[in-house]
Amino acid sequence: MQQFPHHYEVATRVDGPTGDVVIEAAGLPRLETAPPVEFDGPGDRWSPETLLMAAVCDCFVLGFKAIATASKLNWSSLDVRVTGTLDRTDRKMLFTHVLVAADLTVPAGQESRAPRILEKAEEACLITNSLSAEVELESNVVVG
């Protein structure tokens, strides 16, 4: 890993009020965005709200994979759903709650260690650590 601080740059250019918003970052595919349906958007593109929840989901899963590998946890599948609650508080819109629901399948003998590794992944997520919202982990470990 490189030394801190790390810097990440994303850019866009919008041509007028009806122009498409396309975000770009060096070496990555372009991504078209729009407001979500809740803000009168088309509902067929990624929005800032869905991108933030995707970042939480991705960060959790990548963290879990690293921690599980370091902990030598055997597992066969991980299904994660992230739900964010956007609300108005003190005249500001903000995410007030983020639920990370994780279903982990492990072989017999691994089920006692798995919940703690899921908790460590949630605790290590730099995205949720950067949010003011309450973050809740709901985990389910299945032997399979």
Protein backbone atom coordinates (compact mmCIF):
# COMPACT_ATOMS: atom_id res chain seq x y z
CA MET A 1 0.00 0.00 0.00
CA GLN A 2 1.18 3.52 -0.75
CA GLN A 3 1.87 6.01 2.03
CA PHE A 4 -0.89 8.41 3.10
CA PRO A 5 -2.39 10.76 2.17
CA HIS A 6 -4.01 9.32 -0.95
CA HIS A 7 -5.81 11.58 -3.43
CA TYR A 8 -8.70 10.66 -5.74
CA GLU A 9 -9.90 12.91 -8.54
CA VAL A 10 -13.17 12.71 -10.43
CA ALA A 11 -14.32 15.28 -12.98
CA THR A 12 -17.23 16.18 -15.23
CA ARG A 13 -18.23 18.80 -17.75
CA VAL A 14 -21.89 19.61 -18.35
CA ASP A 15 -23.02 21.45 -21.46
CA GLY A 16 -25.92 23.63 -20.35
CA PRO A 17 -28.89 22.90 -18.11
CA THR A 18 -30.12 19.94 -20.18
CA GLY A 19 -26.70 18.39 -20.80
CA ASP A 20 -25.87 14.92 -19.58
CA VAL A 21 -23.70 14.51 -16.50
CA VAL A 22 -20.87 12.07 -17.17
CA ILE A 23 -18.27 11.54 -14.47
CA GLU A 24 -14.75 10.49 -15.34
CA ALA A 25 -11.59 9.44 -13.58
CA ALA A 26 -8.23 8.56 -15.09
CA GLY A 27 -8.12 4.97 -16.33
CA LEU A 28 -11.79 4.24 -15.55
CA PRO A 29 -14.89 3.95 -17.75
CA ARG A 30 -17.11 7.01 -17.97
CA LEU A 31 -20.28 6.88 -15.90
CA GLU A 32 -23.53 8.66 -16.80
CA THR A 33 -25.46 9.98 -13.81
CA ALA A 34 -28.81 11.64 -13.18
CA PRO A 35 -31.04 12.51 -10.25
CA PRO A 36 -32.99 9.57 -8.80
CA VAL A 37 -36.74 9.23 -9.28
CA GLU A 38 -37.27 10.72 -5.82
CA PHE A 39 -35.84 13.99 -7.16
CA ASP A 40 -37.75 13.82 -10.46
CA GLY A 41 -34.94 12.08 -12.29
CA PRO A 42 -35.37 9.37 -14.91
CA GLY A 43 -34.45 6.49 -12.59
CA ASP A 44 -32.32 4.76 -15.21
CA ARG A 45 -28.86 6.01 -14.22
CA TRP A 46 -26.63 6.03 -11.20
CA SER A 47 -27.26 9.01 -8.92
CA PRO A 48 -25.13 10.52 -6.15
CA GLU A 49 -27.34 8.66 -3.67
CA THR A 50 -26.96 5.25 -5.32
CA LEU A 51 -23.26 5.84 -5.90
CA LEU A 52 -22.75 6.52 -2.19
CA MET A 53 -24.56 3.32 -1.21
CA ALA A 54 -22.57 1.44 -3.87
CA ALA A 55 -19.38 2.81 -2.32
CA VAL A 56 -20.48 1.52 1.10
CA CYS A 57 -21.30 -1.90 -0.38
CA ASP A 58 -18.06 -2.15 -2.32
CA CYS A 59 -15.92 -0.95 0.60
CA PHE A 60 -17.54 -3.48 2.94
CA VAL A 61 -17.04 -6.39 0.53
CA LEU A 62 -13.44 -5.49 -0.34
CA GLY A 63 -12.64 -5.05 3.36
CA PHE A 64 -14.28 -8.38 4.18
CA LYS A 65 -12.28 -10.18 1.49
CA ALA A 66 -9.00 -8.77 2.83
CA ILE A 67 -9.82 -9.52 6.47
CA ALA A 68 -11.15 -13.00 5.69
CA THR A 69 -7.98 -13.80 3.74
CA ALA A 70 -5.74 -12.52 6.55
CA SER A 71 -7.83 -14.48 9.08
CA LYS A 72 -7.78 -17.63 6.92
CA LEU A 73 -11.58 -17.81 6.96
CA ASN A 74 -12.97 -20.21 4.39
CA TRP A 75 -16.19 -18.99 2.77
CA SER A 76 -18.10 -19.69 -0.42
CA SER A 77 -20.40 -16.70 -0.99
CA LEU A 78 -21.26 -13.28 0.36
CA ASP A 79 -24.44 -11.42 -0.58
CA VAL A 80 -24.61 -7.79 0.57
CA ARG A 81 -27.43 -5.27 0.33
CA VAL A 82 -26.97 -1.68 1.47
CA THR A 83 -29.95 0.55 2.18
CA GLY A 84 -29.51 4.22 2.97
CA THR A 85 -32.17 6.42 4.53
CA LEU A 86 -32.10 9.99 3.26
CA ASP A 87 -34.01 12.44 5.44
CA ARG A 88 -34.24 16.10 6.29
CA THR A 89 -32.67 17.05 9.63
CA ASP A 90 -32.16 20.63 10.83
CA ARG A 91 -33.16 21.87 7.36
CA LYS A 92 -30.45 19.77 5.68
CA MET A 93 -30.85 16.65 3.59
CA LEU A 94 -28.53 13.90 4.74
CA PHE A 95 -28.27 10.17 5.13
CA THR A 96 -29.36 9.39 8.68
CA HIS A 97 -29.08 5.60 8.63
CA VAL A 98 -27.23 3.02 6.56
CA LEU A 99 -28.09 -0.67 6.85
CA VAL A 100 -25.53 -3.17 5.63
CA ALA A 101 -27.21 -6.58 5.35
CA ALA A 102 -24.74 -9.39 4.74
CA ASP A 103 -25.49 -13.07 4.14
CA LEU A 104 -22.31 -15.14 4.34
CA THR A 105 -22.05 -18.84 3.49
CA VAL A 106 -19.21 -20.75 5.12
CA PRO A 107 -18.26 -24.43 5.42
CA ALA A 108 -18.97 -26.27 8.68
CA GLY A 109 -16.49 -25.33 11.38
CA GLN A 110 -16.12 -21.69 10.25
CA GLU A 111 -19.48 -20.38 11.50
CA SER A 112 -18.25 -19.30 14.96
CA ARG A 113 -15.49 -17.04 13.56
CA ALA A 114 -17.45 -15.56 10.67
CA PRO A 115 -19.62 -12.99 12.54
CA ARG A 116 -16.59 -11.26 14.06
CA ILE A 117 -14.89 -11.03 10.67
CA LEU A 118 -18.04 -9.42 9.22
CA GLU A 119 -18.01 -6.94 12.13
CA LYS A 120 -14.34 -6.14 11.49
CA ALA A 121 -15.15 -5.46 7.82
CA GLU A 122 -17.86 -2.99 8.85
CA GLU A 123 -15.55 -1.32 11.39
CA ALA A 124 -12.75 -0.99 8.83
CA CYS A 125 -14.85 0.52 6.03
CA LEU A 126 -13.37 3.93 5.26
CA ILE A 127 -16.57 5.03 3.51
CA THR A 128 -18.89 4.42 6.50
CA ASN A 129 -16.20 5.80 8.82
CA SER A 130 -16.44 9.03 6.79
CA LEU A 131 -20.22 9.34 7.14
CA SER A 132 -22.20 11.00 9.93
CA ALA A 133 -25.07 8.52 9.45
CA GLU A 134 -25.69 5.71 11.90
CA VAL A 135 -24.38 2.48 10.34
CA GLU A 136 -25.97 -0.84 11.25
CA LEU A 137 -24.67 -4.27 10.30
CA GLU A 138 -27.21 -7.05 10.02
CA SER A 139 -25.36 -10.29 9.35
CA ASN A 140 -26.47 -13.83 8.75
CA VAL A 141 -24.01 -16.73 8.60
CA VAL A 142 -25.15 -19.92 6.91
CA VAL A 143 -23.32 -23.23 6.80
CA GLY A 144 -23.36 -24.57 3.28
